[in-house]
Amino acid sequence: MVPEPVSLSEIFLQQGPACHWMWNSEGVFERVYGEPSILFGSIAADMVGRSISAALQPAVATVWQDRFQRAFCGESLSLRERHDEAVWHVNLFPLRSGGEICYVGGSAREITPWTAAEQELRFTVLGALKAQEYERNKTSRFLHDTVGQNLTALGLQLDLIHMDLEKSQTEVVARIEEMQKLLESVMEQVRDYSYELNPSTVERAGLRSALDRLVARLKDRFAGTIRLKVDPSTKIDPKVAAAMYQVAQEAVENAVQHSGCSNIEIAVKSTRTVIVLEVRDDGKGFDPADLLDGGRGLGLLAMEHHAAQAGLDLSINSHREKGTIVKVAVPEPA
């Protein structure tokens, strides 16, 4: 039996270092070239002629189904997928015939050796974050120790003047009372800003108190609902609590600024084995692997930085139109 002739393009696609595939309008893999098992968890022979749900494991199928549907709507995607120590760059794009989208094309190539420069840039950004953290702490100490104490001393002097003139100079006393109210407002703003700048304040006041203040600040500029749930029996190391607060602050800021959500929930709870802080929102969500969707911004890098500094496990679970869950966990102390 004479084998069917294979075109040069078929040989190139089958034996090249990249993986390629085509997905048709009926939701079926039309062609698969190369080795797709690292990305999809299935070999080419088990994918061709089958739908995503039939060819892939349910969790993997859900992610890729959404991506393919986006491409069928005309969107081109550039993704970064990490599997163990390997990093893959993935492109999905619509294929048109006669002006209509008939297929979704895809290609993926391992780029692990190319990520060295990116890692150098990452370390540079992390160094900048550490320097920024040092400056924030320095500014916070100045506000608390110098500005705050001087304002307190000024308030005491006004109290003394108020008592001296209370019976004889009523108009002057009224002016002094106005100055005292203004001074109290300024002192409160300085305390709040100092608290916001310096995460070590969490170590003194506790995580619950810090999160209460965070929620109070956000309510002034967030029209939706913010709920805070903290298990009062949870005992957290002060250093860990400070890192959890920083992660929560970044996650909530991302939700308020970018997700378009109407509900945010912050929860701190413990089990027999772990202590968990979780931030949930019901916003538009994103694909964490999508390089063009803006999901991997400075906020995520800051969360990774603070989690790594305290030895926390960080996970981000997000799907488009299904909200986002940011979670950090640390083993429960013995």
C-alpha atoms as a PDB file:
ATOM      1  CA  MET A   1       0.000   0.000   0.000  1.00  0.00           C
ATOM      2  CA  VAL A   2       1.449   3.322  -1.098  1.00  0.00           C
ATOM      3  CA  PRO A   3       1.273   6.016   1.616  1.00  0.00           C
ATOM      4  CA  GLU A   4      -0.479   9.270   0.791  1.00  0.00           C
ATOM      5  CA  PRO A   5       1.940  12.028  -0.281  1.00  0.00           C
ATOM      6  CA  VAL A   6       2.741  14.571   2.396  1.00  0.00           C
ATOM      7  CA  SER A   7       3.259  18.192   1.421  1.00  0.00           C
ATOM      8  CA  LEU A   8       6.312  20.159   2.472  1.00  0.00           C
ATOM      9  CA  SER A   9       4.102  22.392   4.620  1.00  0.00           C
ATOM     10  CA  GLU A  10       2.758  19.342   6.461  1.00  0.00           C
ATOM     11  CA  ILE A  11       6.305  18.075   7.080  1.00  0.00           C
ATOM     12  CA  PHE A  12       7.340  21.502   8.350  1.00  0.00           C
ATOM     13  CA  LEU A  13       4.370  21.784  10.725  1.00  0.00           C
ATOM     14  CA  GLN A  14       4.692  18.235  12.032  1.00  0.00           C
ATOM     15  CA  GLN A  15       8.438  18.294  12.664  1.00  0.00           C
ATOM     16  CA  GLY A  16       9.018  21.941  13.566  1.00  0.00           C
ATOM     17  CA  PRO A  17       9.758  23.025  17.150  1.00  0.00           C
ATOM     18  CA  ALA A  18       6.413  24.791  17.555  1.00  0.00           C
ATOM     19  CA  CYS A  19       2.938  23.360  18.051  1.00  0.00           C
ATOM     20  CA  HIS A  20       0.099  24.433  15.716  1.00  0.00           C
ATOM     21  CA  TRP A  21      -3.618  23.719  15.577  1.00  0.00           C
ATOM     22  CA  MET A  22      -6.884  24.706  13.904  1.00  0.00           C
ATOM     23  CA  TRP A  23     -10.271  24.695  15.578  1.00  0.00           C
ATOM     24  CA  ASN A  24     -13.434  24.885  13.459  1.00  0.00           C
ATOM     25  CA  SER A  25     -16.793  26.599  13.914  1.00  0.00           C
ATOM     26  CA  GLU A  26     -18.342  23.381  15.237  1.00  0.00           C
ATOM     27  CA  GLY A  27     -15.948  23.390  18.192  1.00  0.00           C
ATOM     28  CA  VAL A  28     -13.783  20.551  16.876  1.00  0.00           C
ATOM     29  CA  PHE A  29     -10.003  20.338  16.492  1.00  0.00           C
ATOM     30  CA  GLU A  30      -9.531  20.199  12.707  1.00  0.00           C
ATOM     31  CA  ARG A  31      -5.715  19.916  12.630  1.00  0.00           C
ATOM     32  CA  VAL A  32      -3.044  19.515  15.301  1.00  0.00           C
ATOM     33  CA  TYR A  33       0.689  19.568  14.547  1.00  0.00           C
ATOM     34  CA  GLY A  34       3.658  19.100  16.851  1.00  0.00           C
ATOM     35  CA  GLU A  35       3.511  18.013  20.490  1.00  0.00           C
ATOM     36  CA  PRO A  36       0.482  19.614  22.238  1.00  0.00           C
ATOM     37  CA  SER A  37       0.456  17.499  25.417  1.00  0.00           C
ATOM     38  CA  ILE A  38       2.328  20.030  27.562  1.00  0.00           C
ATOM     39  CA  LEU A  39      -0.256  22.727  26.842  1.00  0.00           C
ATOM     40  CA  PHE A  40      -3.426  20.690  26.541  1.00  0.00           C
ATOM     41  CA  GLY A  41      -2.678  17.515  28.496  1.00  0.00           C
ATOM     42  CA  SER A  42      -3.570  15.404  25.431  1.00  0.00           C
ATOM     43  CA  ILE A  43      -1.627  14.143  22.430  1.00  0.00           C
ATOM     44  CA  ALA A  44      -2.504  15.132  18.859  1.00  0.00           C
ATOM     45  CA  ALA A  45      -4.045  11.759  18.004  1.00  0.00           C
ATOM     46  CA  ASP A  46      -6.558  12.176  20.857  1.00  0.00           C
ATOM     47  CA  MET A  47      -7.504  15.704  19.809  1.00  0.00           C
ATOM     48  CA  VAL A  48      -8.063  15.691  16.043  1.00  0.00           C
ATOM     49  CA  GLY A  49     -11.736  15.360  15.144  1.00  0.00           C
ATOM     50  CA  ARG A  50     -12.889  15.837  18.736  1.00  0.00           C
ATOM     51  CA  SER A  51     -14.398  18.774  20.603  1.00  0.00           C
ATOM     52  CA  ILE A  52     -12.566  20.573  23.396  1.00  0.00           C
ATOM     53  CA  SER A  53     -14.758  19.025  26.089  1.00  0.00           C
ATOM     54  CA  ALA A  54     -14.149  15.530  24.691  1.00  0.00           C
ATOM     55  CA  ALA A  55     -10.420  15.934  24.054  1.00  0.00           C
ATOM     56  CA  LEU A  56      -9.320  17.766  27.204  1.00  0.00           C
ATOM     57  CA  GLN A  57      -9.734  17.473  30.952  1.00  0.00           C
ATOM     58  CA  PRO A  58     -12.663  19.586  32.275  1.00  0.00           C
ATOM     59  CA  ALA A  59     -10.561  22.268  34.010  1.00  0.00           C
ATOM     60  CA  VAL A  60      -8.298  22.681  30.966  1.00  0.00           C
ATOM     61  CA  ALA A  61     -11.244  22.602  28.566  1.00  0.00           C
ATOM     62  CA  THR A  62     -13.006  25.466  30.376  1.00  0.00           C
ATOM     63  CA  VAL A  63      -9.987  27.755  30.019  1.00  0.00           C
ATOM     64  CA  TRP A  64      -9.357  26.986  26.337  1.00  0.00           C
ATOM     65  CA  GLN A  65     -13.045  27.087  25.395  1.00  0.00           C
ATOM     66  CA  ASP A  66     -13.231  30.692  26.559  1.00  0.00           C
ATOM     67  CA  ARG A  67     -10.056  31.610  24.673  1.00  0.00           C
ATOM     68  CA  PHE A  68     -11.229  30.002  21.426  1.00  0.00           C
ATOM     69  CA  GLN A  69     -14.598  31.726  21.661  1.00  0.00           C
ATOM     70  CA  ARG A  70     -12.864  35.090  22.040  1.00  0.00           C
ATOM     71  CA  ALA A  71     -10.822  34.401  18.899  1.00  0.00           C
ATOM     72  CA  PHE A  72     -13.980  33.386  17.022  1.00  0.00           C
ATOM     73  CA  CYS A  73     -15.363  36.812  17.895  1.00  0.00           C
ATOM     74  CA  GLY A  74     -12.413  38.404  16.102  1.00  0.00           C
ATOM     75  CA  GLU A  75      -9.967  38.880  18.962  1.00  0.00           C
ATOM     76  CA  SER A  76      -6.276  37.973  18.677  1.00  0.00           C
ATOM     77  CA  LEU A  77      -4.709  36.673  21.897  1.00  0.00           C
ATOM     78  CA  SER A  78      -1.114  36.593  23.071  1.00  0.00           C
ATOM     79  CA  LEU A  79      -0.691  34.324  26.101  1.00  0.00           C
ATOM     80  CA  ARG A  80       2.053  33.245  28.466  1.00  0.00           C
ATOM     81  CA  GLU A  81       1.639  29.710  29.811  1.00  0.00           C
ATOM     82  CA  ARG A  82       3.892  28.226  32.504  1.00  0.00           C
ATOM     83  CA  HIS A  83       4.052  24.458  32.997  1.00  0.00           C
ATOM     84  CA  ASP A  84       6.478  23.388  35.714  1.00  0.00           C
ATOM     85  CA  GLU A  85       9.765  25.060  34.728  1.00  0.00           C
ATOM     86  CA  ALA A  86       8.798  25.509  31.053  1.00  0.00           C
ATOM     87  CA  VAL A  87       7.334  28.752  29.700  1.00  0.00           C
ATOM     88  CA  TRP A  88       5.326  28.830  26.467  1.00  0.00           C
ATOM     89  CA  HIS A  89       4.240  31.743  24.309  1.00  0.00           C
ATOM     90  CA  VAL A  90       0.843  31.096  22.733  1.00  0.00           C
ATOM     91  CA  ASN A  91      -0.935  32.981  19.940  1.00  0.00           C
ATOM     92  CA  LEU A  92      -4.603  32.522  19.038  1.00  0.00           C
ATOM     93  CA  PHE A  93      -6.086  34.304  16.026  1.00  0.00           C
ATOM     94  CA  PRO A  94      -9.167  34.165  13.780  1.00  0.00           C
ATOM     95  CA  LEU A  95      -8.826  32.645  10.295  1.00  0.00           C
ATOM     96  CA  ARG A  96     -11.125  34.157   7.672  1.00  0.00           C
ATOM     97  CA  SER A  97     -12.406  32.917   4.339  1.00  0.00           C
ATOM     98  CA  GLY A  98     -14.587  35.149   2.194  1.00  0.00           C
ATOM     99  CA  GLY A  99     -14.594  37.755   4.953  1.00  0.00           C
ATOM    100  CA  GLU A 100     -16.050  35.378   7.564  1.00  0.00           C
ATOM    101  CA  ILE A 101     -14.250  33.704  10.454  1.00  0.00           C
ATOM    102  CA  CYS A 102     -14.209  29.968   9.713  1.00  0.00           C
ATOM    103  CA  TYR A 103     -11.470  28.721  12.007  1.00  0.00           C
ATOM    104  CA  VAL A 104      -9.343  29.680  14.956  1.00  0.00           C
ATOM    105  CA  GLY A 105      -5.632  29.198  14.418  1.00  0.00           C
ATOM    106  CA  GLY A 106      -3.148  28.668  17.198  1.00  0.00           C
ATOM    107  CA  SER A 107       0.575  28.331  17.650  1.00  0.00           C
ATOM    108  CA  ALA A 108       2.767  27.798  20.691  1.00  0.00           C
ATOM    109  CA  ARG A 109       6.482  27.715  21.232  1.00  0.00           C
ATOM    110  CA  GLU A 110       8.587  27.179  24.307  1.00  0.00           C
ATOM    111  CA  ILE A 111      10.403  30.375  25.280  1.00  0.00           C
ATOM    112  CA  THR A 112      12.025  29.284  28.539  1.00  0.00           C
ATOM    113  CA  PRO A 113      15.542  30.322  27.412  1.00  0.00           C
ATOM    114  CA  TRP A 114      14.217  33.724  26.305  1.00  0.00           C
ATOM    115  CA  THR A 115      12.879  34.657  29.735  1.00  0.00           C
ATOM    116  CA  ALA A 116      16.304  35.467  31.244  1.00  0.00           C
ATOM    117  CA  ALA A 117      16.060  39.124  30.207  1.00  0.00           C
ATOM    118  CA  GLU A 118      12.524  39.281  31.575  1.00  0.00           C
ATOM    119  CA  GLN A 119      13.736  37.874  34.900  1.00  0.00           C
ATOM    120  CA  GLU A 120      16.445  40.552  35.042  1.00  0.00           C
ATOM    121  CA  LEU A 121      13.791  43.205  34.483  1.00  0.00           C
ATOM    122  CA  ARG A 122      11.644  41.567  37.144  1.00  0.00           C
ATOM    123  CA  PHE A 123      14.491  41.730  39.675  1.00  0.00           C
ATOM    124  CA  THR A 124      15.006  45.387  38.774  1.00  0.00           C
ATOM    125  CA  VAL A 125      11.346  46.149  39.430  1.00  0.00           C
ATOM    126  CA  LEU A 126      11.440  44.220  42.704  1.00  0.00           C
ATOM    127  CA  GLY A 127      14.487  46.228  43.736  1.00  0.00           C
ATOM    128  CA  ALA A 128      12.583  49.414  42.968  1.00  0.00           C
ATOM    129  CA  LEU A 129       9.671  48.153  45.075  1.00  0.00           C
ATOM    130  CA  LYS A 130      11.999  47.508  48.011  1.00  0.00           C
ATOM    131  CA  ALA A 131      13.491  50.994  47.670  1.00  0.00           C
ATOM    132  CA  GLN A 132      10.000  52.471  47.504  1.00  0.00           C
ATOM    133  CA  GLU A 133       9.014  50.498  50.598  1.00  0.00           C
ATOM    134  CA  TYR A 134      12.029  51.907  52.478  1.00  0.00           C
ATOM    135  CA  GLU A 135      11.120  55.481  51.489  1.00  0.00           C
ATOM    136  CA  ARG A 136       7.489  54.943  52.467  1.00  0.00           C
ATOM    137  CA  ASN A 137       8.538  53.693  55.905  1.00  0.00           C
ATOM    138  CA  LYS A 138      10.900  56.634  56.306  1.00  0.00           C
ATOM    139  CA  THR A 139       8.164  59.114  55.386  1.00  0.00           C
ATOM    140  CA  SER A 140       5.729  57.371  57.707  1.00  0.00           C
ATOM    141  CA  ARG A 141       8.116  57.634  60.646  1.00  0.00           C
ATOM    142  CA  PHE A 142       8.671  61.336  59.927  1.00  0.00           C
ATOM    143  CA  LEU A 143       4.933  61.988  59.839  1.00  0.00           C
ATOM    144  CA  HIS A 144       4.334  60.029  63.032  1.00  0.00           C
ATOM    145  CA  ASP A 145       7.362  61.006  65.106  1.00  0.00           C
ATOM    146  CA  THR A 146       7.949  64.597  63.986  1.00  0.00           C
ATOM    147  CA  VAL A 147       4.873  66.074  62.365  1.00  0.00           C
ATOM    148  CA  GLY A 148       2.418  64.193  64.574  1.00  0.00           C
ATOM    149  CA  GLN A 149       4.166  65.020  67.821  1.00  0.00           C
ATOM    150  CA  ASN A 150       4.554  68.711  66.892  1.00  0.00           C
ATOM    151  CA  LEU A 151       0.873  68.936  66.006  1.00  0.00           C
ATOM    152  CA  THR A 152       0.009  67.328  69.340  1.00  0.00           C
ATOM    153  CA  ALA A 153       2.188  69.858  71.180  1.00  0.00           C
ATOM    154  CA  LEU A 154       0.528  72.699  69.267  1.00  0.00           C
ATOM    155  CA  GLY A 155      -2.871  71.322  70.271  1.00  0.00           C
ATOM    156  CA  LEU A 156      -1.850  71.325  73.950  1.00  0.00           C
ATOM    157  CA  GLN A 157      -0.704  74.955  73.707  1.00  0.00           C
ATOM    158  CA  LEU A 158      -4.047  75.932  72.183  1.00  0.00           C
ATOM    159  CA  ASP A 159      -5.809  74.136  75.045  1.00  0.00           C
ATOM    160  CA  LEU A 160      -3.860  76.210  77.581  1.00  0.00           C
ATOM    161  CA  ILE A 161      -4.626  79.467  75.769  1.00  0.00           C
ATOM    162  CA  HIS A 162      -8.276  78.460  75.547  1.00  0.00           C
ATOM    163  CA  MET A 163      -8.446  77.930  79.322  1.00  0.00           C
ATOM    164  CA  ASP A 164      -6.677  81.263  80.049  1.00  0.00           C
ATOM    165  CA  LEU A 165      -9.031  83.295  77.863  1.00  0.00           C
ATOM    166  CA  GLU A 166     -12.239  81.314  78.310  1.00  0.00           C
ATOM    167  CA  LYS A 167     -13.919  83.842  80.655  1.00  0.00           C
ATOM    168  CA  SER A 168     -12.574  87.154  79.377  1.00  0.00           C
ATOM    169  CA  GLN A 169     -12.096  86.962  75.599  1.00  0.00           C
ATOM    170  CA  THR A 170     -15.106  85.147  74.119  1.00  0.00           C
ATOM    171  CA  GLU A 171     -14.423  86.174  70.498  1.00  0.00           C
ATOM    172  CA  VAL A 172     -10.810  85.034  70.709  1.00  0.00           C
ATOM    173  CA  VAL A 173     -11.916  81.783  72.342  1.00  0.00           C
ATOM    174  CA  ALA A 174     -14.288  81.131  69.450  1.00  0.00           C
ATOM    175  CA  ARG A 175     -11.420  81.584  66.998  1.00  0.00           C
ATOM    176  CA  ILE A 176      -9.252  79.244  69.040  1.00  0.00           C
ATOM    177  CA  GLU A 177     -11.975  76.587  68.963  1.00  0.00           C
ATOM    178  CA  GLU A 178     -12.104  76.850  65.167  1.00  0.00           C
ATOM    179  CA  MET A 179      -8.313  76.417  65.044  1.00  0.00           C
ATOM    180  CA  GLN A 180      -8.569  73.376  67.326  1.00  0.00           C
ATOM    181  CA  LYS A 181     -11.148  71.727  65.051  1.00  0.00           C
ATOM    182  CA  LEU A 182      -8.953  72.360  62.010  1.00  0.00           C
ATOM    183  CA  LEU A 183      -5.927  71.016  63.859  1.00  0.00           C
ATOM    184  CA  GLU A 184      -7.790  67.850  64.883  1.00  0.00           C
ATOM    185  CA  SER A 185      -8.744  67.264  61.237  1.00  0.00           C
ATOM    186  CA  VAL A 186      -5.137  67.699  60.071  1.00  0.00           C
ATOM    187  CA  MET A 187      -3.853  65.378  62.802  1.00  0.00           C
ATOM    188  CA  GLU A 188      -6.346  62.694  61.784  1.00  0.00           C
ATOM    189  CA  GLN A 189      -5.270  62.961  58.127  1.00  0.00           C
ATOM    190  CA  VAL A 190      -1.587  62.736  59.095  1.00  0.00           C
ATOM    191  CA  ARG A 191      -2.278  59.643  61.234  1.00  0.00           C
ATOM    192  CA  ASP A 192      -4.242  57.967  58.426  1.00  0.00           C
ATOM    193  CA  TYR A 193      -1.586  58.701  55.816  1.00  0.00           C
ATOM    194  CA  SER A 194       1.203  57.554  58.123  1.00  0.00           C
ATOM    195  CA  TYR A 195      -0.753  54.357  58.778  1.00  0.00           C
ATOM    196  CA  GLU A 196      -1.299  53.786  55.059  1.00  0.00           C
ATOM    197  CA  LEU A 197       2.368  54.297  54.215  1.00  0.00           C
ATOM    198  CA  ASN A 198       3.865  52.019  56.832  1.00  0.00           C
ATOM    199  CA  PRO A 199       2.784  48.349  56.855  1.00  0.00           C
ATOM    200  CA  SER A 200       4.615  47.821  60.147  1.00  0.00           C
ATOM    201  CA  THR A 201       1.656  49.597  61.725  1.00  0.00           C
ATOM    202  CA  VAL A 202      -0.180  46.320  61.138  1.00  0.00           C
ATOM    203  CA  GLU A 203       2.290  44.648  63.469  1.00  0.00           C
ATOM    204  CA  ARG A 204       1.311  47.054  66.249  1.00  0.00           C
ATOM    205  CA  ALA A 205      -2.436  47.424  65.719  1.00  0.00           C
ATOM    206  CA  GLY A 206      -3.236  43.985  64.277  1.00  0.00           C
ATOM    207  CA  LEU A 207      -4.513  42.779  60.910  1.00  0.00           C
ATOM    208  CA  ARG A 208      -8.206  43.263  61.732  1.00  0.00           C
ATOM    209  CA  SER A 209      -7.697  46.910  62.680  1.00  0.00           C
ATOM    210  CA  ALA A 210      -5.641  47.552  59.540  1.00  0.00           C
ATOM    211  CA  LEU A 211      -8.258  45.958  57.285  1.00  0.00           C
ATOM    212  CA  ASP A 212     -11.011  47.981  59.004  1.00  0.00           C
ATOM    213  CA  ARG A 213      -9.145  51.168  58.120  1.00  0.00           C
ATOM    214  CA  LEU A 214      -8.566  49.972  54.556  1.00  0.00           C
ATOM    215  CA  VAL A 215     -12.289  49.310  54.078  1.00  0.00           C
ATOM    216  CA  ALA A 216     -13.192  52.700  55.589  1.00  0.00           C
ATOM    217  CA  ARG A 217     -10.850  54.495  53.163  1.00  0.00           C
ATOM    218  CA  LEU A 218     -12.175  52.643  50.130  1.00  0.00           C
ATOM    219  CA  LYS A 219     -15.820  53.330  50.932  1.00  0.00           C
ATOM    220  CA  ASP A 220     -15.200  57.002  50.169  1.00  0.00           C
ATOM    221  CA  ARG A 221     -14.473  56.245  46.494  1.00  0.00           C
ATOM    222  CA  PHE A 222     -16.129  52.877  45.816  1.00  0.00           C
ATOM    223  CA  ALA A 223     -19.848  52.874  45.134  1.00  0.00           C
ATOM    224  CA  GLY A 224     -20.267  49.129  45.613  1.00  0.00           C
ATOM    225  CA  THR A 225     -20.350  46.936  48.712  1.00  0.00           C
ATOM    226  CA  ILE A 226     -17.231  45.919  50.652  1.00  0.00           C
ATOM    227  CA  ARG A 227     -17.550  43.175  53.263  1.00  0.00           C
ATOM    228  CA  LEU A 228     -14.890  42.182  55.781  1.00  0.00           C
ATOM    229  CA  LYS A 229     -14.925  38.856  57.621  1.00  0.00           C
ATOM    230  CA  VAL A 230     -12.135  38.020  60.061  1.00  0.00           C
ATOM    231  CA  ASP A 231     -12.144  34.927  62.262  1.00  0.00           C
ATOM    232  CA  PRO A 232     -11.403  36.393  65.729  1.00  0.00           C
ATOM    233  CA  SER A 233      -9.736  33.169  66.859  1.00  0.00           C
ATOM    234  CA  THR A 234      -7.063  33.361  64.151  1.00  0.00           C
ATOM    235  CA  LYS A 235      -3.563  34.036  65.500  1.00  0.00           C
ATOM    236  CA  ILE A 236      -1.174  35.441  62.888  1.00  0.00           C
ATOM    237  CA  ASP A 237       2.511  36.248  63.184  1.00  0.00           C
ATOM    238  CA  PRO A 238       2.946  40.065  62.898  1.00  0.00           C
ATOM    239  CA  LYS A 239       5.332  39.791  59.914  1.00  0.00           C
ATOM    240  CA  VAL A 240       2.899  37.509  58.100  1.00  0.00           C
ATOM    241  CA  ALA A 241      -0.012  39.811  58.958  1.00  0.00           C
ATOM    242  CA  ALA A 242       1.848  42.778  57.427  1.00  0.00           C
ATOM    243  CA  ALA A 243       2.422  40.869  54.168  1.00  0.00           C
ATOM    244  CA  MET A 244      -1.209  39.693  54.067  1.00  0.00           C
ATOM    245  CA  TYR A 245      -2.356  43.282  54.502  1.00  0.00           C
ATOM    246  CA  GLN A 246      -0.169  44.442  51.605  1.00  0.00           C
ATOM    247  CA  VAL A 247      -1.537  41.710  49.340  1.00  0.00           C
ATOM    248  CA  ALA A 248      -5.113  42.565  50.355  1.00  0.00           C
ATOM    249  CA  GLN A 249      -4.492  46.256  49.694  1.00  0.00           C
ATOM    250  CA  GLU A 250      -3.134  45.587  46.179  1.00  0.00           C
ATOM    251  CA  ALA A 251      -5.930  43.122  45.375  1.00  0.00           C
ATOM    252  CA  VAL A 252      -8.657  45.510  46.509  1.00  0.00           C
ATOM    253  CA  GLU A 253      -7.086  48.433  44.624  1.00  0.00           C
ATOM    254  CA  ASN A 254      -6.992  46.327  41.447  1.00  0.00           C
ATOM    255  CA  ALA A 255     -10.630  45.369  41.937  1.00  0.00           C
ATOM    256  CA  VAL A 256     -11.746  48.961  42.496  1.00  0.00           C
ATOM    257  CA  GLN A 257      -9.744  50.438  39.623  1.00  0.00           C
ATOM    258  CA  HIS A 258      -9.911  47.773  36.917  1.00  0.00           C
ATOM    259  CA  SER A 259     -12.572  45.109  37.477  1.00  0.00           C
ATOM    260  CA  GLY A 260     -15.796  47.132  37.289  1.00  0.00           C
ATOM    261  CA  CYS A 261     -17.112  45.105  40.216  1.00  0.00           C
ATOM    262  CA  SER A 262     -20.001  45.961  42.526  1.00  0.00           C
ATOM    263  CA  ASN A 263     -19.074  43.644  45.419  1.00  0.00           C
ATOM    264  CA  ILE A 264     -15.765  42.968  47.170  1.00  0.00           C
ATOM    265  CA  GLU A 265     -15.278  40.543  50.036  1.00  0.00           C
ATOM    266  CA  ILE A 266     -12.174  40.288  52.231  1.00  0.00           C
ATOM    267  CA  ALA A 267     -12.000  37.201  54.442  1.00  0.00           C
ATOM    268  CA  VAL A 268      -9.406  35.919  56.910  1.00  0.00           C
ATOM    269  CA  LYS A 269      -9.956  32.390  58.179  1.00  0.00           C
ATOM    270  CA  SER A 270      -8.019  29.425  59.476  1.00  0.00           C
ATOM    271  CA  THR A 271      -8.262  25.660  59.274  1.00  0.00           C
ATOM    272  CA  ARG A 272      -6.293  22.984  61.060  1.00  0.00           C
ATOM    273  CA  THR A 273      -3.397  23.385  58.656  1.00  0.00           C
ATOM    274  CA  VAL A 274      -3.416  26.883  57.088  1.00  0.00           C
ATOM    275  CA  ILE A 275      -4.342  30.514  57.627  1.00  0.00           C
ATOM    276  CA  VAL A 276      -5.894  32.088  54.540  1.00  0.00           C
ATOM    277  CA  LEU A 277      -6.610  35.645  53.435  1.00  0.00           C
ATOM    278  CA  GLU A 278      -8.935  35.864  50.456  1.00  0.00           C
ATOM    279  CA  VAL A 279     -10.125  38.818  48.372  1.00  0.00           C
ATOM    280  CA  ARG A 280     -13.074  38.160  46.043  1.00  0.00           C
ATOM    281  CA  ASP A 281     -14.763  40.462  43.545  1.00  0.00           C
ATOM    282  CA  ASP A 282     -17.602  39.989  41.053  1.00  0.00           C
ATOM    283  CA  GLY A 283     -15.977  42.078  38.309  1.00  0.00           C
ATOM    284  CA  LYS A 284     -15.175  41.331  34.690  1.00  0.00           C
ATOM    285  CA  GLY A 285     -12.192  39.116  35.551  1.00  0.00           C
ATOM    286  CA  PHE A 286      -9.294  38.342  33.240  1.00  0.00           C
ATOM    287  CA  ASP A 287      -7.207  35.509  31.871  1.00  0.00           C
ATOM    288  CA  PRO A 288      -4.020  35.516  34.014  1.00  0.00           C
ATOM    289  CA  ALA A 289      -2.052  34.184  31.033  1.00  0.00           C
ATOM    290  CA  ASP A 290      -3.214  36.960  28.672  1.00  0.00           C
ATOM    291  CA  LEU A 291      -0.323  39.331  27.933  1.00  0.00           C
ATOM    292  CA  LEU A 292      -2.517  41.837  26.070  1.00  0.00           C
ATOM    293  CA  ASP A 293      -5.317  42.068  28.624  1.00  0.00           C
ATOM    294  CA  GLY A 294      -3.328  43.964  31.254  1.00  0.00           C
ATOM    295  CA  GLY A 295      -3.756  41.288  33.908  1.00  0.00           C
ATOM    296  CA  ARG A 296      -0.079  41.128  34.870  1.00  0.00           C
ATOM    297  CA  GLY A 297       0.519  44.691  35.958  1.00  0.00           C
ATOM    298  CA  LEU A 298       2.589  46.211  38.736  1.00  0.00           C
ATOM    299  CA  GLY A 299      -0.111  45.355  41.283  1.00  0.00           C
ATOM    300  CA  LEU A 300       0.333  41.625  40.670  1.00  0.00           C
ATOM    301  CA  LEU A 301       4.103  41.952  40.818  1.00  0.00           C
ATOM    302  CA  ALA A 302       3.782  43.766  44.155  1.00  0.00           C
ATOM    303  CA  MET A 303       1.532  40.994  45.499  1.00  0.00           C
ATOM    304  CA  GLU A 304       4.057  38.364  44.414  1.00  0.00           C
ATOM    305  CA  HIS A 305       6.825  40.378  46.070  1.00  0.00           C
ATOM    306  CA  HIS A 306       5.079  40.731  49.445  1.00  0.00           C
ATOM    307  CA  ALA A 307       3.957  37.094  49.440  1.00  0.00           C
ATOM    308  CA  ALA A 308       7.458  35.847  48.646  1.00  0.00           C
ATOM    309  CA  GLN A 309       9.009  38.047  51.360  1.00  0.00           C
ATOM    310  CA  ALA A 310       6.828  36.424  54.039  1.00  0.00           C
ATOM    311  CA  GLY A 311       6.806  32.886  52.623  1.00  0.00           C
ATOM    312  CA  LEU A 312       3.127  32.970  51.652  1.00  0.00           C
ATOM    313  CA  ASP A 313       1.529  30.864  48.925  1.00  0.00           C
ATOM    314  CA  LEU A 314      -0.176  33.230  46.460  1.00  0.00           C
ATOM    315  CA  SER A 315      -2.830  32.105  43.984  1.00  0.00           C
ATOM    316  CA  ILE A 316      -4.995  34.112  41.604  1.00  0.00           C
ATOM    317  CA  ASN A 317      -8.093  32.492  40.124  1.00  0.00           C
ATOM    318  CA  SER A 318      -9.853  34.605  37.534  1.00  0.00           C
ATOM    319  CA  HIS A 319     -12.038  34.062  34.480  1.00  0.00           C
ATOM    320  CA  ARG A 320     -13.498  36.639  32.151  1.00  0.00           C
ATOM    321  CA  GLU A 321     -16.940  37.820  33.307  1.00  0.00           C
ATOM    322  CA  LYS A 322     -16.689  35.595  36.405  1.00  0.00           C
ATOM    323  CA  GLY A 323     -14.734  37.731  38.838  1.00  0.00           C
ATOM    324  CA  THR A 324     -11.398  37.234  40.540  1.00  0.00           C
ATOM    325  CA  ILE A 325     -10.198  35.489  43.712  1.00  0.00           C
ATOM    326  CA  VAL A 326      -6.835  36.450  45.185  1.00  0.00           C
ATOM    327  CA  LYS A 327      -5.694  34.109  47.954  1.00  0.00           C
ATOM    328  CA  VAL A 328      -2.633  33.963  50.196  1.00  0.00           C
ATOM    329  CA  ALA A 329      -2.047  31.142  52.660  1.00  0.00           C
ATOM    330  CA  VAL A 330       0.495  30.285  55.314  1.00  0.00           C
ATOM    331  CA  PRO A 331       0.776  27.083  57.377  1.00  0.00           C
ATOM    332  CA  GLU A 332      -0.961  27.265  60.757  1.00  0.00           C
ATOM    333  CA  PRO A 333       1.613  27.510  63.581  1.00  0.00           C
ATOM    334  CA  ALA A 334       1.926  24.348  65.618  1.00  0.00           C
END
